[in-house]
Amino acid sequence: MGTHYINRWRNTASRLANNNSTSDMDIALFSPASLFAADGDSSDGETTETSQNFVERNHQFPGIELQIREFGFHQLNANLLWPGTFAFADWLLQHRYLIERRRCLEIGSGTGALAIFLKKEFNLDITTSDYNDQEIEDNIVHNCIANKIIPSLPHIKHTWGDEFPISEPDWDLIIASDILLYVKQYPNLIKSLTFLLKKYKPTNVVSPAEGKLNGADTELPRPVFLMSWRRRIGKDDESLFFTGCEEAGLEVKHLGNRVYCIKLRESNL
């Protein structure tokens, strides 16, 4: 099975290299072994080829197994579940008091697996979002139905840096996992994040969630961006994103286990 996936990765890498539509994206280097579950990781290894373009796999999330259809190839890497998804799901489960009763937007949803897990486990009010691509939305709908989420989760097509389709967003929690693959897209990502945080308009008056984290009183503001980043790229590339956030008036805090809290700096509120 390992040879099959390495060959798939090589074919994907070759197609990316020759695809003009991604020429403006600087793809961060990563190990092909990091794309797929290793021994002891969350996928149980059951794979079903449903067609030339899709693969159905069962993935073990904390306390629940999900059936997820993944693209055999997608030019924007919306095709697979990355290892950070499972680690982030576990972290969110351990800190559920920080996110319960939130209105949540996931950006870079890909297959929709994390959002589906959070909906089933927490009944979280969550909306998925990804690049303006109909195939991505259709696949998320498929995965919702396959895991008995009917109607499917609401979805927003949005290409980072473009005008956001909702002028007054009301999500008080934005989440993402392993989205820092394309270094040249960092300014566009930061532009979209800054809009979502600055233009947030609450629909209801709520008190912030409070709890203990790392032995200290921790309060997640509304709105806030929680991001898990566990991919293997150079530290210089990684720092470009966090430096860009700070230059845009955002405050970055590492919460541990490669989970980051990003919010508006108080001077920009």
C-alpha atoms as a PDB file:
ATOM      1  CA  MET A   1       0.000   0.000   0.000  1.00  0.00           C
ATOM      2  CA  GLY A   2       2.898   2.366   0.740  1.00  0.00           C
ATOM      3  CA  THR A   3       4.201   2.053  -2.858  1.00  0.00           C
ATOM      4  CA  HIS A   4       0.737   2.819  -4.194  1.00  0.00           C
ATOM      5  CA  TYR A   5       0.545   6.066  -2.227  1.00  0.00           C
ATOM      6  CA  ILE A   6       4.102   7.153  -2.971  1.00  0.00           C
ATOM      7  CA  ASN A   7       3.420   6.673  -6.673  1.00  0.00           C
ATOM      8  CA  ARG A   8       0.194   8.670  -6.268  1.00  0.00           C
ATOM      9  CA  TRP A   9       2.148  11.455  -4.578  1.00  0.00           C
ATOM     10  CA  ARG A  10       4.759  11.451  -7.360  1.00  0.00           C
ATOM     11  CA  ASN A  11       2.053  11.698  -9.996  1.00  0.00           C
ATOM     12  CA  THR A  12       0.400  14.519  -8.054  1.00  0.00           C
ATOM     13  CA  ALA A  13       3.682  16.385  -7.683  1.00  0.00           C
ATOM     14  CA  SER A  14       4.330  16.036 -11.413  1.00  0.00           C
ATOM     15  CA  ARG A  15       0.886  17.364 -12.290  1.00  0.00           C
ATOM     16  CA  LEU A  16       1.313  20.281  -9.912  1.00  0.00           C
ATOM     17  CA  ALA A  17       4.622  21.165 -11.506  1.00  0.00           C
ATOM     18  CA  ASN A  18       3.033  21.257 -14.944  1.00  0.00           C
ATOM     19  CA  ASN A  19      -0.222  22.942 -13.992  1.00  0.00           C
ATOM     20  CA  ASN A  20      -0.250  26.594 -15.017  1.00  0.00           C
ATOM     21  CA  SER A  21      -3.146  27.421 -12.721  1.00  0.00           C
ATOM     22  CA  THR A  22      -0.904  27.015  -9.659  1.00  0.00           C
ATOM     23  CA  SER A  23       2.114  28.851 -11.060  1.00  0.00           C
ATOM     24  CA  ASP A  24       1.440  31.829  -8.793  1.00  0.00           C
ATOM     25  CA  MET A  25       1.557  29.678  -5.683  1.00  0.00           C
ATOM     26  CA  ASP A  26       4.851  28.926  -3.989  1.00  0.00           C
ATOM     27  CA  ILE A  27       4.363  25.379  -2.730  1.00  0.00           C
ATOM     28  CA  ALA A  28       6.182  24.736   0.539  1.00  0.00           C
ATOM     29  CA  LEU A  29       8.333  21.615   0.564  1.00  0.00           C
ATOM     30  CA  PHE A  30       7.106  18.623   2.523  1.00  0.00           C
ATOM     31  CA  SER A  31       7.825  14.937   2.870  1.00  0.00           C
ATOM     32  CA  PRO A  32       5.577  12.610   0.838  1.00  0.00           C
ATOM     33  CA  ALA A  33       5.426  10.403   3.898  1.00  0.00           C
ATOM     34  CA  SER A  34       3.653  13.221   5.743  1.00  0.00           C
ATOM     35  CA  LEU A  35       0.704  13.096   3.326  1.00  0.00           C
ATOM     36  CA  PHE A  36      -0.600   9.757   4.508  1.00  0.00           C
ATOM     37  CA  ALA A  37      -1.201   8.022   7.780  1.00  0.00           C
ATOM     38  CA  ALA A  38       1.745   6.069   9.120  1.00  0.00           C
ATOM     39  CA  ASP A  39       1.551   3.113  11.490  1.00  0.00           C
ATOM     40  CA  GLY A  40      -0.504   4.150  14.495  1.00  0.00           C
ATOM     41  CA  ASP A  41      -2.061   7.170  12.786  1.00  0.00           C
ATOM     42  CA  SER A  42      -5.777   7.754  12.602  1.00  0.00           C
ATOM     43  CA  SER A  43      -6.738   6.109   9.296  1.00  0.00           C
ATOM     44  CA  ASP A  44      -7.634   2.441   9.609  1.00  0.00           C
ATOM     45  CA  GLY A  45      -6.279   1.724   6.132  1.00  0.00           C
ATOM     46  CA  GLU A  46      -9.580   0.689   4.582  1.00  0.00           C
ATOM     47  CA  THR A  47      -9.627   2.147   1.089  1.00  0.00           C
ATOM     48  CA  THR A  48     -12.226   1.827  -1.652  1.00  0.00           C
ATOM     49  CA  GLU A  49     -11.688   3.166  -5.173  1.00  0.00           C
ATOM     50  CA  THR A  50     -15.114   4.540  -6.101  1.00  0.00           C
ATOM     51  CA  SER A  51     -14.031   5.859  -9.482  1.00  0.00           C
ATOM     52  CA  GLN A  52     -10.980   7.075 -11.311  1.00  0.00           C
ATOM     53  CA  ASN A  53     -11.191  10.376  -9.438  1.00  0.00           C
ATOM     54  CA  PHE A  54     -12.171   9.523  -5.856  1.00  0.00           C
ATOM     55  CA  VAL A  55     -11.125   7.276  -3.002  1.00  0.00           C
ATOM     56  CA  GLU A  56     -13.390   6.363  -0.074  1.00  0.00           C
ATOM     57  CA  ARG A  57     -11.545   5.880   3.207  1.00  0.00           C
ATOM     58  CA  ASN A  58     -12.624   5.288   6.797  1.00  0.00           C
ATOM     59  CA  HIS A  59     -10.886   7.613   9.243  1.00  0.00           C
ATOM     60  CA  GLN A  60     -10.848   7.223  13.011  1.00  0.00           C
ATOM     61  CA  PHE A  61     -11.486  10.489  14.828  1.00  0.00           C
ATOM     62  CA  PRO A  62     -11.685  10.645  18.641  1.00  0.00           C
ATOM     63  CA  GLY A  63     -14.544   8.353  19.566  1.00  0.00           C
ATOM     64  CA  ILE A  64     -16.019   8.166  16.085  1.00  0.00           C
ATOM     65  CA  GLU A  65     -15.244   6.760  12.647  1.00  0.00           C
ATOM     66  CA  LEU A  66     -16.051   8.823   9.582  1.00  0.00           C
ATOM     67  CA  GLN A  67     -16.343   7.709   5.981  1.00  0.00           C
ATOM     68  CA  ILE A  68     -14.652  10.346   3.864  1.00  0.00           C
ATOM     69  CA  ARG A  69     -14.412  10.562   0.083  1.00  0.00           C
ATOM     70  CA  GLU A  70     -11.115  12.080  -1.024  1.00  0.00           C
ATOM     71  CA  PHE A  71     -10.039  13.252  -4.453  1.00  0.00           C
ATOM     72  CA  GLY A  72      -7.415  11.115  -6.142  1.00  0.00           C
ATOM     73  CA  PHE A  73      -5.986  14.487  -7.194  1.00  0.00           C
ATOM     74  CA  HIS A  74      -6.928  18.111  -6.718  1.00  0.00           C
ATOM     75  CA  GLN A  75      -4.791  20.998  -7.956  1.00  0.00           C
ATOM     76  CA  LEU A  76      -5.356  22.979  -4.728  1.00  0.00           C
ATOM     77  CA  ASN A  77      -4.656  20.107  -2.318  1.00  0.00           C
ATOM     78  CA  ALA A  78      -8.284  19.939  -1.209  1.00  0.00           C
ATOM     79  CA  ASN A  79      -8.115  16.221  -1.843  1.00  0.00           C
ATOM     80  CA  LEU A  80      -6.719  14.579   1.295  1.00  0.00           C
ATOM     81  CA  LEU A  81      -6.902  14.620   5.076  1.00  0.00           C
ATOM     82  CA  TRP A  82      -3.639  15.908   6.508  1.00  0.00           C
ATOM     83  CA  PRO A  83      -2.229  14.485   9.769  1.00  0.00           C
ATOM     84  CA  GLY A  84      -2.852  17.775  11.589  1.00  0.00           C
ATOM     85  CA  THR A  85      -6.610  17.314  11.181  1.00  0.00           C
ATOM     86  CA  PHE A  86      -6.664  14.424  13.642  1.00  0.00           C
ATOM     87  CA  ALA A  87      -4.363  16.150  16.134  1.00  0.00           C
ATOM     88  CA  PHE A  88      -6.519  19.286  16.018  1.00  0.00           C
ATOM     89  CA  ALA A  89      -9.700  17.243  16.487  1.00  0.00           C
ATOM     90  CA  ASP A  90      -8.172  15.675  19.597  1.00  0.00           C
ATOM     91  CA  TRP A  91      -7.099  19.094  20.941  1.00  0.00           C
ATOM     92  CA  LEU A  92     -10.562  20.567  20.375  1.00  0.00           C
ATOM     93  CA  LEU A  93     -12.123  17.598  22.159  1.00  0.00           C
ATOM     94  CA  GLN A  94      -9.858  18.176  25.167  1.00  0.00           C
ATOM     95  CA  HIS A  95     -10.738  21.894  25.197  1.00  0.00           C
ATOM     96  CA  ARG A  96     -14.345  21.665  24.145  1.00  0.00           C
ATOM     97  CA  TYR A  97     -15.378  24.226  26.783  1.00  0.00           C
ATOM     98  CA  LEU A  98     -13.559  26.848  24.696  1.00  0.00           C
ATOM     99  CA  ILE A  99     -15.618  26.269  21.563  1.00  0.00           C
ATOM    100  CA  GLU A 100     -19.043  25.030  22.673  1.00  0.00           C
ATOM    101  CA  ARG A 101     -21.953  27.344  21.852  1.00  0.00           C
ATOM    102  CA  ARG A 102     -19.808  29.160  19.324  1.00  0.00           C
ATOM    103  CA  ARG A 103     -20.808  30.039  15.778  1.00  0.00           C
ATOM    104  CA  CYS A 104     -17.941  28.638  13.735  1.00  0.00           C
ATOM    105  CA  LEU A 105     -16.464  29.036  10.253  1.00  0.00           C
ATOM    106  CA  GLU A 106     -13.830  26.596   9.048  1.00  0.00           C
ATOM    107  CA  ILE A 107     -11.590  27.910   6.260  1.00  0.00           C
ATOM    108  CA  GLY A 108      -9.661  25.563   4.003  1.00  0.00           C
ATOM    109  CA  SER A 109     -12.188  22.828   4.760  1.00  0.00           C
ATOM    110  CA  GLY A 110     -11.002  20.475   2.012  1.00  0.00           C
ATOM    111  CA  THR A 111     -13.029  17.276   2.402  1.00  0.00           C
ATOM    112  CA  GLY A 112     -15.072  18.746   5.262  1.00  0.00           C
ATOM    113  CA  ALA A 113     -14.000  15.964   7.629  1.00  0.00           C
ATOM    114  CA  LEU A 114     -13.084  18.167  10.601  1.00  0.00           C
ATOM    115  CA  ALA A 115     -16.313  20.164  10.355  1.00  0.00           C
ATOM    116  CA  ILE A 116     -18.311  16.937  10.110  1.00  0.00           C
ATOM    117  CA  PHE A 117     -16.584  15.610  13.242  1.00  0.00           C
ATOM    118  CA  LEU A 118     -17.320  18.808  15.175  1.00  0.00           C
ATOM    119  CA  LYS A 119     -20.954  18.801  14.071  1.00  0.00           C
ATOM    120  CA  LYS A 120     -21.457  15.187  15.125  1.00  0.00           C
ATOM    121  CA  GLU A 121     -19.445  15.373  18.366  1.00  0.00           C
ATOM    122  CA  PHE A 122     -20.399  18.866  19.639  1.00  0.00           C
ATOM    123  CA  ASN A 123     -23.427  19.707  17.489  1.00  0.00           C
ATOM    124  CA  LEU A 124     -21.388  22.806  16.696  1.00  0.00           C
ATOM    125  CA  ASP A 125     -22.967  25.499  14.540  1.00  0.00           C
ATOM    126  CA  ILE A 126     -20.353  25.309  11.797  1.00  0.00           C
ATOM    127  CA  THR A 127     -20.014  26.477   8.196  1.00  0.00           C
ATOM    128  CA  THR A 128     -17.393  25.142   5.802  1.00  0.00           C
ATOM    129  CA  SER A 129     -15.437  27.275   3.363  1.00  0.00           C
ATOM    130  CA  ASP A 130     -12.797  26.725   0.724  1.00  0.00           C
ATOM    131  CA  TYR A 131     -11.537  27.933  -2.646  1.00  0.00           C
ATOM    132  CA  ASN A 132     -14.229  28.948  -5.130  1.00  0.00           C
ATOM    133  CA  ASP A 133     -14.471  25.515  -6.710  1.00  0.00           C
ATOM    134  CA  GLN A 134     -17.691  23.559  -7.235  1.00  0.00           C
ATOM    135  CA  GLU A 135     -15.972  20.154  -6.949  1.00  0.00           C
ATOM    136  CA  ILE A 136     -14.857  20.967  -3.402  1.00  0.00           C
ATOM    137  CA  GLU A 137     -18.368  21.977  -2.327  1.00  0.00           C
ATOM    138  CA  ASP A 138     -19.940  18.939  -3.971  1.00  0.00           C
ATOM    139  CA  ASN A 139     -17.503  16.614  -2.224  1.00  0.00           C
ATOM    140  CA  ILE A 140     -18.218  18.165   1.178  1.00  0.00           C
ATOM    141  CA  VAL A 141     -21.943  17.649   0.548  1.00  0.00           C
ATOM    142  CA  HIS A 142     -21.231  14.015  -0.372  1.00  0.00           C
ATOM    143  CA  ASN A 143     -19.256  13.480   2.839  1.00  0.00           C
ATOM    144  CA  CYS A 144     -21.966  15.095   4.948  1.00  0.00           C
ATOM    145  CA  ILE A 145     -24.592  12.768   3.527  1.00  0.00           C
ATOM    146  CA  ALA A 146     -22.297   9.740   3.893  1.00  0.00           C
ATOM    147  CA  ASN A 147     -21.989  10.544   7.609  1.00  0.00           C
ATOM    148  CA  LYS A 148     -25.710  11.225   8.108  1.00  0.00           C
ATOM    149  CA  ILE A 149     -25.531  15.004   8.316  1.00  0.00           C
ATOM    150  CA  ILE A 150     -28.690  15.996   6.437  1.00  0.00           C
ATOM    151  CA  PRO A 151     -29.138  18.709   5.415  1.00  0.00           C
ATOM    152  CA  SER A 152     -25.451  19.137   4.699  1.00  0.00           C
ATOM    153  CA  LEU A 153     -23.396  21.834   6.389  1.00  0.00           C
ATOM    154  CA  PRO A 154     -23.656  25.346   4.945  1.00  0.00           C
ATOM    155  CA  HIS A 155     -20.734  26.180   2.691  1.00  0.00           C
ATOM    156  CA  ILE A 156     -19.150  29.394   1.431  1.00  0.00           C
ATOM    157  CA  LYS A 157     -17.008  29.538  -1.677  1.00  0.00           C
ATOM    158  CA  HIS A 158     -14.217  32.002  -1.066  1.00  0.00           C
ATOM    159  CA  THR A 159     -10.803  32.435  -2.620  1.00  0.00           C
ATOM    160  CA  TRP A 160      -8.454  34.083  -0.120  1.00  0.00           C
ATOM    161  CA  GLY A 161      -7.868  37.733  -0.905  1.00  0.00           C
ATOM    162  CA  ASP A 162     -11.082  38.136  -2.917  1.00  0.00           C
ATOM    163  CA  GLU A 163     -14.046  40.083  -1.617  1.00  0.00           C
ATOM    164  CA  PHE A 164     -15.838  38.021   1.000  1.00  0.00           C
ATOM    165  CA  PRO A 165     -19.423  37.215  -0.072  1.00  0.00           C
ATOM    166  CA  ILE A 166     -20.873  38.269   3.309  1.00  0.00           C
ATOM    167  CA  SER A 167     -20.296  41.906   4.291  1.00  0.00           C
ATOM    168  CA  GLU A 168     -21.006  41.480   8.012  1.00  0.00           C
ATOM    169  CA  PRO A 169     -19.767  38.032   9.104  1.00  0.00           C
ATOM    170  CA  ASP A 170     -21.164  36.783  12.412  1.00  0.00           C
ATOM    171  CA  TRP A 171     -18.844  33.843  13.127  1.00  0.00           C
ATOM    172  CA  ASP A 172     -17.167  34.311  16.502  1.00  0.00           C
ATOM    173  CA  LEU A 173     -14.850  31.338  15.968  1.00  0.00           C
ATOM    174  CA  ILE A 174     -12.790  30.687  12.831  1.00  0.00           C
ATOM    175  CA  ILE A 175     -10.770  27.483  12.622  1.00  0.00           C
ATOM    176  CA  ALA A 176      -8.342  25.860  10.202  1.00  0.00           C
ATOM    177  CA  SER A 177      -5.910  22.987  10.087  1.00  0.00           C
ATOM    178  CA  ASP A 178      -2.706  22.746   8.011  1.00  0.00           C
ATOM    179  CA  ILE A 179      -3.517  25.577   5.614  1.00  0.00           C
ATOM    180  CA  LEU A 180      -0.081  27.202   5.272  1.00  0.00           C
ATOM    181  CA  LEU A 181       1.017  25.179   2.257  1.00  0.00           C
ATOM    182  CA  TYR A 182       1.161  27.978  -0.312  1.00  0.00           C
ATOM    183  CA  VAL A 183       3.609  30.586   0.914  1.00  0.00           C
ATOM    184  CA  LYS A 184       2.732  33.187  -1.727  1.00  0.00           C
ATOM    185  CA  GLN A 185      -0.899  33.028  -0.607  1.00  0.00           C
ATOM    186  CA  TYR A 186      -0.099  34.189   2.926  1.00  0.00           C
ATOM    187  CA  PRO A 187      -0.923  37.870   2.198  1.00  0.00           C
ATOM    188  CA  ASN A 188      -4.291  36.845   0.712  1.00  0.00           C
ATOM    189  CA  LEU A 189      -5.025  34.550   3.655  1.00  0.00           C
ATOM    190  CA  ILE A 190      -4.153  37.312   6.128  1.00  0.00           C
ATOM    191  CA  LYS A 191      -6.334  39.769   4.188  1.00  0.00           C
ATOM    192  CA  SER A 192      -9.332  37.439   4.448  1.00  0.00           C
ATOM    193  CA  LEU A 193      -8.671  36.695   8.126  1.00  0.00           C
ATOM    194  CA  THR A 194      -8.362  40.382   8.961  1.00  0.00           C
ATOM    195  CA  PHE A 195     -11.691  41.076   7.261  1.00  0.00           C
ATOM    196  CA  LEU A 196     -13.460  38.286   9.150  1.00  0.00           C
ATOM    197  CA  LEU A 197     -12.095  39.465  12.490  1.00  0.00           C
ATOM    198  CA  LYS A 198     -12.581  43.205  11.955  1.00  0.00           C
ATOM    199  CA  LYS A 199     -16.024  43.047  10.373  1.00  0.00           C
ATOM    200  CA  TYR A 200     -17.491  40.587  12.857  1.00  0.00           C
ATOM    201  CA  LYS A 201     -21.035  41.558  13.861  1.00  0.00           C
ATOM    202  CA  PRO A 202     -22.493  39.405  16.644  1.00  0.00           C
ATOM    203  CA  THR A 203     -26.084  38.333  16.174  1.00  0.00           C
ATOM    204  CA  ASN A 204     -26.618  37.689  19.892  1.00  0.00           C
ATOM    205  CA  VAL A 205     -25.123  39.101  23.089  1.00  0.00           C
ATOM    206  CA  VAL A 206     -22.983  36.340  24.574  1.00  0.00           C
ATOM    207  CA  SER A 207     -20.476  36.039  27.388  1.00  0.00           C
ATOM    208  CA  PRO A 208     -17.029  34.713  26.421  1.00  0.00           C
ATOM    209  CA  ALA A 209     -16.058  31.152  27.204  1.00  0.00           C
ATOM    210  CA  GLU A 210     -13.551  30.879  30.020  1.00  0.00           C
ATOM    211  CA  GLY A 211     -11.421  28.016  31.238  1.00  0.00           C
ATOM    212  CA  LYS A 212      -8.068  26.792  32.370  1.00  0.00           C
ATOM    213  CA  LEU A 213      -5.403  26.256  29.733  1.00  0.00           C
ATOM    214  CA  ASN A 214      -1.784  25.472  30.570  1.00  0.00           C
ATOM    215  CA  GLY A 215      -2.449  26.334  34.191  1.00  0.00           C
ATOM    216  CA  ALA A 216      -3.605  29.889  33.461  1.00  0.00           C
ATOM    217  CA  ASP A 217      -6.933  31.621  33.086  1.00  0.00           C
ATOM    218  CA  THR A 218      -7.663  31.699  29.392  1.00  0.00           C
ATOM    219  CA  GLU A 219     -10.447  33.528  27.667  1.00  0.00           C
ATOM    220  CA  LEU A 220     -11.047  33.146  23.974  1.00  0.00           C
ATOM    221  CA  PRO A 221     -12.244  36.468  22.591  1.00  0.00           C
ATOM    222  CA  ARG A 222     -15.022  36.866  20.096  1.00  0.00           C
ATOM    223  CA  PRO A 223     -14.070  36.697  17.328  1.00  0.00           C
ATOM    224  CA  VAL A 224     -10.933  34.553  17.281  1.00  0.00           C
ATOM    225  CA  PHE A 225      -9.024  32.361  14.841  1.00  0.00           C
ATOM    226  CA  LEU A 226      -7.777  28.968  16.066  1.00  0.00           C
ATOM    227  CA  MET A 227      -5.322  27.226  13.784  1.00  0.00           C
ATOM    228  CA  SER A 228      -3.480  23.928  14.033  1.00  0.00           C
ATOM    229  CA  TRP A 229      -0.294  23.773  11.991  1.00  0.00           C
ATOM    230  CA  ARG A 230       1.696  20.530  11.994  1.00  0.00           C
ATOM    231  CA  ARG A 231       3.058  20.284   8.464  1.00  0.00           C
ATOM    232  CA  ARG A 232       6.780  20.098   7.751  1.00  0.00           C
ATOM    233  CA  ILE A 233       7.994  23.273   6.094  1.00  0.00           C
ATOM    234  CA  GLY A 234      10.960  25.511   6.709  1.00  0.00           C
ATOM    235  CA  LYS A 235      10.807  27.745   9.777  1.00  0.00           C
ATOM    236  CA  ASP A 236      11.573  30.790   7.622  1.00  0.00           C
ATOM    237  CA  ASP A 237       8.502  30.129   5.474  1.00  0.00           C
ATOM    238  CA  GLU A 238       6.369  29.436   8.539  1.00  0.00           C
ATOM    239  CA  SER A 239       7.478  32.652  10.238  1.00  0.00           C
ATOM    240  CA  LEU A 240       6.373  34.678   7.204  1.00  0.00           C
ATOM    241  CA  PHE A 241       2.746  33.962   8.067  1.00  0.00           C
ATOM    242  CA  PHE A 242       2.998  34.860  11.747  1.00  0.00           C
ATOM    243  CA  THR A 243       5.055  37.985  11.019  1.00  0.00           C
ATOM    244  CA  GLY A 244       2.499  38.988   8.371  1.00  0.00           C
ATOM    245  CA  CYS A 245      -0.309  38.586  10.917  1.00  0.00           C
ATOM    246  CA  GLU A 246       1.454  40.856  13.393  1.00  0.00           C
ATOM    247  CA  GLU A 247       2.133  43.467  10.712  1.00  0.00           C
ATOM    248  CA  ALA A 248      -1.585  43.396   9.837  1.00  0.00           C
ATOM    249  CA  GLY A 249      -2.536  44.253  13.414  1.00  0.00           C
ATOM    250  CA  LEU A 250      -3.207  40.725  14.628  1.00  0.00           C
ATOM    251  CA  GLU A 251      -1.906  39.137  17.808  1.00  0.00           C
ATOM    252  CA  VAL A 252      -0.577  35.577  17.701  1.00  0.00           C
ATOM    253  CA  LYS A 253      -0.377  33.285  20.722  1.00  0.00           C
ATOM    254  CA  HIS A 254       0.819  29.676  20.795  1.00  0.00           C
ATOM    255  CA  LEU A 255      -1.525  27.612  22.979  1.00  0.00           C
ATOM    256  CA  GLY A 256       0.621  24.488  22.876  1.00  0.00           C
ATOM    257  CA  ASN A 257       0.624  21.369  20.710  1.00  0.00           C
ATOM    258  CA  ARG A 258       1.045  23.544  17.596  1.00  0.00           C
ATOM    259  CA  VAL A 259      -2.327  25.246  18.072  1.00  0.00           C
ATOM    260  CA  TYR A 260      -2.317  29.017  17.603  1.00  0.00           C
ATOM    261  CA  CYS A 261      -4.798  31.649  18.723  1.00  0.00           C
ATOM    262  CA  ILE A 262      -4.947  34.713  16.456  1.00  0.00           C
ATOM    263  CA  LYS A 263      -7.039  37.743  17.312  1.00  0.00           C
ATOM    264  CA  LEU A 264      -7.216  41.465  16.649  1.00  0.00           C
ATOM    265  CA  ARG A 265      -4.651  43.459  18.600  1.00  0.00           C
ATOM    266  CA  GLU A 266      -6.485  45.550  21.178  1.00  0.00           C
ATOM    267  CA  SER A 267      -5.310  48.794  19.552  1.00  0.00           C
ATOM    268  CA  ASN A 268      -7.145  47.719  16.378  1.00  0.00           C
ATOM    269  CA  LEU A 269     -10.467  46.932  18.032  1.00  0.00           C
END
